[in-house]
Structure formats: structure tokens, C-alpha cells
């Protein structure tokens, strides 16, 4: 009986590991960030057993530099980051999970300049957009997936000591807590994290400020993205301008700093431009991407009892300007979008150490910026 149970468990594990996924790649198609001749959003199939990637479809879109998949994977939302040339926008697309084809639904203004991040709540009621120009907005989503015009926009006012990058507020990400009761907002220009209550039932204004909800980080640090430990009360922040990772304890919308580490080797003296941060699905490892001269991923192990990090090492991204990266749902692969390397590289994750190994799998994509996945039906 024990053997039968073990064999059944193994088969279920292998079935989950061999799952096929659609991989979406958002790119820059124009402006100062453009590198290559990108068309818009690229769709691939990703094999969770081998790490292999095969092309499926492409849809033209204007600078879809950040993407969000609605729960169920049948609707995709993309910002239109126009580098100040035109007002920012957000577009909605339906996705046919049988054919792998995207279809444009509609577009709305983002109510700010240079939208650079978008989230969608689990109930698919709201698209939440970070505008690098200094604010964030909530756009209602209809039953058909279409976006309504923004119904709430919260403007930030302030600056930081880095006059070249922090001359004013720059909202860089809008990330919902796992229970979706709160929204974490990174403001690179003001060196602040702010927390908003989120109410998806609200007809027009889903955000209200949480009490004692603003956390100041090191002056000149430039907070960019955050991630939550799965099932534990910890939050991790990547600071773009100083190349540091901050670890926080988290409870009921409140953050308390517990640790700060560099995302670069000791003695590093090159340009810094840290970008993204993600934790493995099992909570054992944390990764942070570094652009600038580093072009690397910092690798940390995570203590589940304290939330503190231990540096394990660094991995070249095998390309230039690693912006967004992601860990696939199986937890066995890490994919990096090298914007100026014009490729997406697949690394295998050592399940014991968290260290990365080049799988030999990669695809050529012009100016890749953002990666998302959903299971194939």
C-alpha cells in the first residue's frame, strides 16, 4: 500500500512538473528604451519539464513594457509606456487559451505619464497602474474584460537627494498583498513605501490610506519593486539606485525593517541599476536582478522563522540589462528578460542551494521587459 501511494504521489508530482504554460513577453517598441525592432507582445509555450520555449503568436502594441494577467489567464492587461512622448495608457486584451491568440479589447488613459507597472486583483474588478510620472490609478474592469476610465488617482508629491533621478515623485510599482486587503506602493523619487487599504467592492474609489502606512527607506535608495513571502509575514524590497535589498516584517498593512543587504558583491564599484525581486514558490530562495554594469542576479536563502536573508552567490544573466525576471510555477526554472541583450534566458534552479545553472534554453526577443505565465488548457 505504501508503495502504491508513493508511486501515485510521484506520478502526480511529475504531471505537475510537466505542465505546459503560455509565456507572455512585454517589450519596448519605440522611444529611448527601444532596442531592436519589437512588434509588441510575444506569446510562447513554455515546457515546465524541459525549460523549452516555442513561439506561438505576436500582437502589435505600443510599448507594452509591463503586463498583468487576470486570474484564469483569459485576459491580459498592458501599460503603454510612451517615454513622455504621449500621455500614458493601459490596454486590455482577451486571450484564447486554445489557440494562443491575443485580441485587443480597448484602451484607456492611465491618468499619468509613463505607466510602468500594472496589477489586477483576483476578482478581476480593478486594474491598478503605477505611473512613473508620480501617481497611481485604479481602472474598473468590466465583465467582458474591458477597461473603464480611471475612477481614482492618487498623486504623490516629494523628492529625494539624487537630483538626477529623484527630482520629484516616481511611483514604480503597485503590488497587492496576498490577501488583497492592502496595496504596497513603491515611490522611487521619494524613497518611500506607502500602504493603502484596498476594497475591491468599492464602486469608484478602492483605495484609502492605511494608518501609519508610510515607510521611509534610506535616502537615495530608490525603492522599485516588492515581493511577499508565500504564507509568511515578510516583505522584500529592491532599491534601484543603491542596489540594496530590504527585508521587512509585515502585519496588517504595517512594515518594520529587519535587515538590509547589498545585491552586489563586496567592493563592487560599477554602475548600479537594480530592477526586480522575486521569491521561489517554496519560500526557500530570493532573487534580485541588477542592471548597470553588473548584469547579474543576486541569490539569497531565506529563513522561514525570521525572514532574514543569507547571500548565496551571483549569476550572470547572460545578457545585458536584466529588467524583469520570473520563476515558473513549478519552481524549477528562472527566466530573465535581458532588455539590451535582446533575449530571454532560462536557468535551472538547484532545489537544494537555490543556485542557478544555464539550461542552454533561450529565445531572441527585441527589447524584452516583462514576463508572465498562465497554464495551457
Protein backbone atom coordinates (compact mmCIF):
# COMPACT_ATOMS: atom_id res chain seq x y z
CA UNK A 1 0.00 0.00 0.00
CA UNK A 2 2.83 2.38 0.89
CA UNK A 3 4.48 1.65 -2.47
CA UNK A 4 1.23 2.33 -4.35
CA UNK A 5 0.75 5.61 -2.51
CA UNK A 6 4.36 6.67 -3.19
CA UNK A 7 4.07 5.78 -6.87
CA UNK A 8 0.80 7.70 -7.19
CA UNK A 9 2.35 10.71 -5.47
CA UNK A 10 5.34 10.55 -7.82
CA UNK A 11 3.08 10.44 -10.87
CA UNK A 12 1.11 13.43 -9.63
CA UNK A 13 4.33 15.33 -8.97
CA UNK A 14 5.66 14.56 -12.44
CA UNK A 15 2.35 15.55 -14.01
CA UNK A 16 2.52 18.91 -12.29
CA UNK A 17 6.18 19.33 -13.22
CA UNK A 18 5.49 18.61 -16.90
CA UNK A 19 2.77 21.25 -17.13
CA UNK A 20 2.73 23.39 -20.26
CA UNK A 21 2.41 27.16 -19.92
CA UNK A 22 1.88 30.16 -22.12
CA UNK A 23 4.67 32.69 -21.70
CA UNK A 24 3.94 36.36 -22.46
CA UNK A 25 6.76 38.80 -23.16
CA UNK A 26 6.17 42.55 -22.99
CA UNK A 27 8.65 44.75 -24.87
CA UNK A 28 9.64 48.28 -25.78
CA UNK A 29 8.62 49.14 -29.34
CA UNK A 30 9.64 52.81 -29.50
CA UNK A 31 11.33 55.67 -27.63
CA UNK A 32 14.63 55.86 -25.79
CA UNK A 33 14.32 52.34 -24.32
CA UNK A 34 13.81 50.68 -27.70
CA UNK A 35 16.49 48.16 -28.67
CA UNK A 36 15.70 46.24 -31.82
CA UNK A 37 12.58 46.03 -33.92
CA UNK A 38 9.94 44.82 -31.48
CA UNK A 39 6.33 44.44 -32.57
CA UNK A 40 4.65 44.40 -29.14
CA UNK A 41 3.55 41.39 -27.06
CA UNK A 42 5.05 37.98 -27.85
CA UNK A 43 3.37 34.70 -26.86
CA UNK A 44 5.24 31.41 -26.47
CA UNK A 45 4.69 27.97 -25.00
CA UNK A 46 6.94 27.06 -22.08
CA UNK A 47 7.58 23.43 -21.15
CA UNK A 48 7.84 23.02 -17.38
CA UNK A 49 9.64 19.68 -17.79
CA UNK A 50 12.43 20.77 -20.14
CA UNK A 51 12.53 24.58 -19.95
CA UNK A 52 11.96 24.71 -23.70
CA UNK A 53 10.24 27.67 -25.36
CA UNK A 54 8.41 27.66 -28.69
CA UNK A 55 6.79 30.66 -30.44
CA UNK A 56 3.00 30.89 -30.71
CA UNK A 57 1.85 34.39 -31.72
CA UNK A 58 2.63 38.10 -31.71
CA UNK A 59 0.35 41.10 -31.30
CA UNK A 60 1.29 44.68 -32.11
CA UNK A 61 1.08 47.04 -29.12
CA UNK A 62 2.58 50.38 -28.15
CA UNK A 63 5.43 49.96 -25.63
CA UNK A 64 3.75 47.18 -23.58
CA UNK A 65 6.53 47.33 -21.00
CA UNK A 66 4.61 45.75 -18.14
CA UNK A 67 1.89 43.11 -18.22
CA UNK A 68 -0.68 41.68 -15.83
CA UNK A 69 -2.70 38.50 -16.30
CA UNK A 70 -6.16 38.33 -14.78
CA UNK A 71 -6.97 35.22 -12.77
CA UNK A 72 -7.83 32.37 -15.12
CA UNK A 73 -5.48 33.72 -17.79
CA UNK A 74 -8.18 34.74 -20.28
CA UNK A 75 -7.50 38.49 -20.10
CA UNK A 76 -4.19 40.32 -20.32
CA UNK A 77 -3.53 43.97 -19.47
CA UNK A 78 -0.57 46.03 -20.65
CA UNK A 79 0.67 49.52 -19.89
CA UNK A 80 1.60 51.82 -22.76
CA UNK A 81 4.81 53.48 -21.52
CA UNK A 82 5.42 56.21 -24.06
CA UNK A 83 8.55 57.76 -22.53
CA UNK A 84 6.81 61.12 -22.17
CA UNK A 85 6.02 61.41 -25.88
CA UNK A 86 2.27 61.00 -25.26
CA UNK A 87 0.04 60.50 -22.22
CA UNK A 88 0.30 57.04 -20.71
CA UNK A 89 -2.28 54.37 -21.48
CA UNK A 90 -3.47 50.90 -20.48
CA UNK A 91 -4.79 48.30 -22.91
CA UNK A 92 -6.99 45.24 -22.38
CA UNK A 93 -6.73 42.03 -24.43
CA UNK A 94 -8.66 38.78 -24.42
CA UNK A 95 -6.63 35.58 -24.70
CA UNK A 96 -7.74 32.34 -26.31
CA UNK A 97 -6.02 29.59 -24.32
CA UNK A 98 -6.73 27.04 -27.06
CA UNK A 99 -5.14 28.93 -29.93
CA UNK A 100 -2.70 31.16 -28.04
CA UNK A 101 -4.00 34.31 -29.75
CA UNK A 102 -4.46 37.73 -28.15
CA UNK A 103 -7.27 40.05 -29.27
CA UNK A 104 -7.37 43.76 -28.49
CA UNK A 105 -10.42 44.86 -26.47
CA UNK A 106 -9.90 48.54 -25.62
CA UNK A 107 -7.54 51.20 -24.33
CA UNK A 108 -7.84 53.83 -21.60
CA UNK A 109 -5.66 56.67 -20.35
CA UNK A 110 -3.59 55.74 -17.30
CA UNK A 111 -4.13 59.21 -15.76
CA UNK A 112 -0.38 59.79 -15.57
CA UNK A 113 2.87 59.82 -17.51
CA UNK A 114 4.95 56.72 -18.24
CA UNK A 115 2.93 53.89 -16.67
CA UNK A 116 5.48 51.24 -15.67
CA UNK A 117 3.60 48.65 -13.59
CA UNK A 118 0.12 47.12 -13.52
CA UNK A 119 -1.68 44.75 -11.16
CA UNK A 120 -5.11 43.12 -11.43
CA UNK A 121 -6.99 41.91 -8.36
CA UNK A 122 -8.07 38.27 -8.06
CA UNK A 123 -11.74 39.18 -8.57
CA UNK A 124 -10.85 40.96 -11.84
CA UNK A 125 -12.58 44.14 -10.75
CA UNK A 126 -9.67 46.59 -10.91
CA UNK A 127 -6.52 47.29 -12.88
CA UNK A 128 -4.07 49.21 -10.70
CA UNK A 129 -1.44 51.20 -12.57
CA UNK A 130 1.78 52.82 -11.34
CA UNK A 131 2.64 55.94 -13.33
CA UNK A 132 6.33 56.83 -13.11
CA UNK A 133 5.28 60.44 -13.55
CA UNK A 134 4.27 60.41 -9.85
CA UNK A 135 0.87 58.86 -9.23
CA UNK A 136 -1.13 55.63 -9.38
CA UNK A 137 -4.61 54.94 -10.66
CA UNK A 138 -7.46 52.46 -10.41
CA UNK A 139 -9.35 51.49 -13.57
CA UNK A 140 -12.52 49.38 -13.30
CA UNK A 141 -12.73 46.16 -15.33
CA UNK A 142 -16.00 45.06 -16.91
CA UNK A 143 -17.36 41.53 -17.11
CA UNK A 144 -16.13 41.36 -20.71
CA UNK A 145 -12.59 42.31 -19.62
CA UNK A 146 -12.83 45.87 -20.98
CA UNK A 147 -11.24 48.71 -19.03
CA UNK A 148 -13.18 51.70 -17.82
CA UNK A 149 -11.69 55.17 -17.42
CA UNK A 150 -9.72 55.75 -14.18
CA UNK A 151 -12.02 56.42 -11.21
CA UNK A 152 -9.34 57.14 -8.61
CA UNK A 153 -5.87 58.63 -8.95
CA UNK A 154 -3.56 59.29 -6.01
CA UNK A 155 -0.84 61.84 -6.59
CA UNK A 156 2.49 61.78 -4.73
CA UNK A 157 4.47 64.95 -4.04
CA UNK A 158 8.07 64.99 -2.92
CA UNK A 159 11.67 64.37 -3.97
CA UNK A 160 14.91 62.72 -2.89
CA UNK A 161 18.62 63.55 -2.66
CA UNK A 162 19.55 62.06 -6.06
CA UNK A 163 18.71 65.10 -8.17
CA UNK A 164 19.18 63.26 -11.44
CA UNK A 165 16.61 60.57 -10.60
CA UNK A 166 14.64 61.87 -7.63
CA UNK A 167 13.69 65.39 -8.72
CA UNK A 168 10.05 64.51 -7.99
CA UNK A 169 7.84 61.58 -7.07
CA UNK A 170 8.19 58.48 -9.25
CA UNK A 171 5.73 55.70 -8.47
CA UNK A 172 7.31 52.47 -9.69
CA UNK A 173 5.09 49.59 -8.57
CA UNK A 174 1.64 48.82 -7.18
CA UNK A 175 1.61 45.36 -5.61
CA UNK A 176 -1.33 43.78 -3.79
CA UNK A 177 -0.81 41.83 -0.58
CA UNK A 178 -1.63 38.09 -0.81
CA UNK A 179 -4.98 38.63 0.95
CA UNK A 180 -5.59 41.70 -1.27
CA UNK A 181 -6.55 43.83 1.71
CA UNK A 182 -3.65 46.18 1.06
CA UNK A 183 -1.66 47.72 -1.79
CA UNK A 184 2.08 48.37 -1.46
CA UNK A 185 3.27 51.36 -3.48
CA UNK A 186 6.97 51.98 -4.17
CA UNK A 187 7.96 55.59 -4.85
CA UNK A 188 11.49 55.73 -6.23
CA UNK A 189 11.56 59.51 -6.24
CA UNK A 190 10.51 59.99 -2.61
CA UNK A 191 12.34 57.00 -1.07
CA UNK A 192 9.08 55.78 0.43
CA UNK A 193 6.86 52.73 0.62
CA UNK A 194 3.21 53.51 1.25
CA UNK A 195 0.37 51.16 2.08
CA UNK A 196 -3.23 51.65 1.01
CA UNK A 197 -6.32 49.76 2.12
CA UNK A 198 -7.83 48.05 -0.93
CA UNK A 199 -11.54 47.31 -1.24
CA UNK A 200 -12.48 45.62 -4.48
CA UNK A 201 -16.20 46.10 -3.68
CA UNK A 202 -15.83 49.89 -3.88
CA UNK A 203 -17.73 51.31 -6.87
CA UNK A 204 -15.25 54.10 -7.67
CA UNK A 205 -12.53 54.56 -5.05
CA UNK A 206 -10.98 51.28 -3.91
CA UNK A 207 -8.06 52.90 -2.02
CA UNK A 208 -7.92 54.54 1.41
CA UNK A 209 -4.65 55.24 3.28
CA UNK A 210 -3.74 52.75 5.99
CA UNK A 211 -2.82 54.11 9.44
CA UNK A 212 0.96 54.57 9.95
CA UNK A 213 1.33 53.33 6.43
CA UNK A 214 4.32 55.28 5.04
CA UNK A 215 7.80 53.80 5.48
CA UNK A 216 10.90 55.80 4.60
CA UNK A 217 13.87 53.87 3.21
CA UNK A 218 17.49 55.03 3.06
CA UNK A 219 17.82 58.45 1.39
CA UNK A 220 18.73 58.00 -2.27
CA UNK A 221 17.90 54.27 -2.23
CA UNK A 222 15.12 54.46 -4.84
CA UNK A 223 12.57 51.74 -3.91
CA UNK A 224 11.37 49.94 -7.04
CA UNK A 225 9.62 46.56 -6.52
CA UNK A 226 8.48 44.40 -3.61
CA UNK A 227 7.50 40.76 -3.13
CA UNK A 228 5.77 38.82 -0.34
CA UNK A 229 7.00 35.62 1.27
CA UNK A 230 4.36 32.95 0.49
CA UNK A 231 2.44 32.18 3.67
CA UNK A 232 4.79 34.11 6.00
CA UNK A 233 4.65 37.71 7.31
CA UNK A 234 7.64 39.08 5.38
CA UNK A 235 8.10 41.55 2.53
CA UNK A 236 11.24 42.16 0.45
CA UNK A 237 12.15 45.35 -1.42
CA UNK A 238 14.69 46.00 -4.17
CA UNK A 239 16.15 49.53 -4.21
CA UNK A 240 17.17 50.57 -7.71
CA UNK A 241 19.58 53.42 -7.03
CA UNK A 242 21.65 51.94 -4.19
CA UNK A 243 21.40 48.29 -5.18
CA UNK A 244 20.15 47.08 -1.81
CA UNK A 245 17.53 44.59 -0.65
CA UNK A 246 15.46 45.46 2.42
CA UNK A 247 13.64 42.76 4.41
CA UNK A 248 10.56 43.74 6.44
CA UNK A 249 8.29 42.01 8.87
CA UNK A 250 4.70 42.56 7.83
CA UNK A 251 1.45 42.52 9.76
CA UNK A 252 -1.93 44.01 8.91
CA UNK A 253 -0.53 46.55 6.47
CA UNK A 254 2.41 47.61 8.64
CA UNK A 255 6.07 47.16 7.73
CA UNK A 256 9.11 47.03 10.04
CA UNK A 257 12.67 46.83 8.69
CA UNK A 258 14.54 43.74 9.92
CA UNK A 259 17.53 43.55 7.55
CA UNK A 260 19.33 45.25 4.67
CA UNK A 261 21.80 43.59 2.30
CA UNK A 262 23.60 44.60 -0.88
CA UNK A 263 22.56 42.99 -4.15
CA UNK A 264 26.15 43.34 -5.44
CA UNK A 265 29.44 41.69 -4.44
CA UNK A 266 31.63 43.33 -1.79
CA UNK A 267 33.80 46.00 -3.35
CA UNK A 268 31.61 46.42 -6.43
CA UNK A 269 32.29 49.84 -7.97
CA UNK A 270 30.37 49.78 -11.26
CA UNK A 271 27.12 51.48 -12.19
CA UNK A 272 24.09 50.34 -10.20
CA UNK A 273 20.60 49.86 -11.57
CA UNK A 274 18.77 47.15 -9.65
CA UNK A 275 15.40 46.19 -11.07
CA UNK A 276 13.30 43.25 -9.90
CA UNK A 277 12.84 40.87 -6.97
CA UNK A 278 11.07 37.52 -6.59
CA UNK A 279 10.90 34.65 -4.12
CA UNK A 280 10.69 30.98 -5.08
CA UNK A 281 7.25 29.35 -4.71
CA UNK A 282 8.51 27.24 -1.78
CA UNK A 283 9.85 30.34 0.01
CA UNK A 284 13.39 28.98 0.25
CA UNK A 285 15.21 31.39 -2.07
CA UNK A 286 15.06 35.07 -3.04
CA UNK A 287 16.46 36.55 -6.25
CA UNK A 288 17.16 40.17 -7.25
CA UNK A 289 18.19 41.48 -10.68
CA UNK A 290 20.93 44.05 -11.27
CA UNK A 291 21.36 46.10 -14.42
CA UNK A 292 24.04 48.80 -14.71
CA UNK A 293 27.45 47.19 -15.18
CA UNK A 294 26.58 44.08 -13.16
CA UNK A 295 24.04 42.28 -15.39
CA UNK A 296 23.51 39.74 -12.64
CA UNK A 297 21.10 38.02 -10.30
CA UNK A 298 21.81 38.06 -6.58
CA UNK A 299 20.79 34.80 -4.88
CA UNK A 300 19.74 34.55 -1.22
CA UNK A 301 18.42 31.81 1.01
CA UNK A 302 15.53 32.79 3.27
CA UNK A 303 14.96 31.79 6.90
CA UNK A 304 11.26 30.87 7.27
CA UNK A 305 11.40 31.54 11.02
CA UNK A 306 12.94 35.03 10.90
CA UNK A 307 12.52 36.16 7.28
CA UNK A 308 16.21 37.11 7.16
CA UNK A 309 18.36 36.53 4.11
CA UNK A 310 21.74 34.89 3.58
CA UNK A 311 23.67 35.69 0.41
CA UNK A 312 24.41 32.53 -1.57
CA UNK A 313 26.03 33.97 -4.68
CA UNK A 314 25.60 35.72 -8.01
CA UNK A 315 24.71 34.60 -11.51
CA UNK A 316 25.40 36.38 -14.80
CA UNK A 317 22.15 36.83 -16.71
CA UNK A 318 23.99 36.02 -19.98
CA UNK A 319 22.72 39.26 -21.46
CA UNK A 320 22.60 42.98 -20.85
CA UNK A 321 20.13 44.98 -18.76
CA UNK A 322 18.11 42.30 -16.95
CA UNK A 323 14.89 44.09 -16.16
CA UNK A 324 12.04 41.79 -15.18
CA UNK A 325 12.52 38.10 -14.42
CA UNK A 326 10.20 35.37 -13.20
CA UNK A 327 10.22 31.93 -11.58
CA UNK A 328 7.93 29.47 -13.34
CA UNK A 329 5.05 27.88 -11.38
CA UNK A 330 6.94 24.60 -10.95
CA UNK A 331 9.72 26.44 -9.11
CA UNK A 332 12.36 24.68 -11.22
CA UNK A 333 13.13 27.43 -13.74
CA UNK A 334 14.05 31.11 -13.63
CA UNK A 335 13.58 33.18 -16.80
CA UNK A 336 15.31 36.53 -17.31
CA UNK A 337 14.34 39.26 -19.76
CA UNK A 338 17.61 40.91 -20.87
CA UNK A 339 16.32 44.15 -22.38
CA UNK A 340 19.50 45.25 -24.16
CA UNK A 341 20.71 41.69 -24.67
CA UNK A 342 17.55 41.15 -26.72
CA UNK A 343 16.96 37.71 -25.28
CA UNK A 344 15.11 35.72 -22.64
CA UNK A 345 17.39 33.22 -20.90
CA UNK A 346 16.21 30.15 -18.96
CA UNK A 347 18.12 28.99 -15.87
CA UNK A 348 17.57 25.81 -13.91
CA UNK A 349 17.19 26.28 -10.14
CA UNK A 350 19.09 23.93 -7.83
CA UNK A 351 16.36 22.90 -5.39
CA UNK A 352 18.85 22.44 -2.54
CA UNK A 353 21.06 25.51 -2.87
CA UNK A 354 18.99 27.93 -4.95
CA UNK A 355 21.95 28.46 -7.27
CA UNK A 356 21.28 28.82 -10.98
CA UNK A 357 22.59 26.91 -13.99
CA UNK A 358 22.30 27.90 -17.62
CA UNK A 359 19.85 25.46 -19.21
CA UNK A 360 21.01 26.28 -22.71
CA UNK A 361 17.46 27.41 -23.49
CA UNK A 362 16.91 30.97 -24.65
CA UNK A 363 14.95 32.94 -27.21
CA UNK A 364 15.77 36.08 -29.17
CA UNK A 365 13.27 38.89 -28.47
CA UNK A 366 13.76 42.61 -29.22
CA UNK A 367 13.87 44.69 -26.01
CA UNK A 368 12.12 42.20 -23.67
CA UNK A 369 10.98 43.79 -20.43
CA UNK A 370 8.24 41.79 -18.71
CA UNK A 371 7.43 38.06 -18.38
CA UNK A 372 4.15 36.42 -17.32
CA UNK A 373 2.77 32.84 -17.48
CA UNK A 374 -0.54 31.03 -17.43
CA UNK A 375 -1.25 27.28 -17.80
CA UNK A 376 -2.18 25.88 -21.19
CA UNK A 377 -5.65 24.33 -21.28
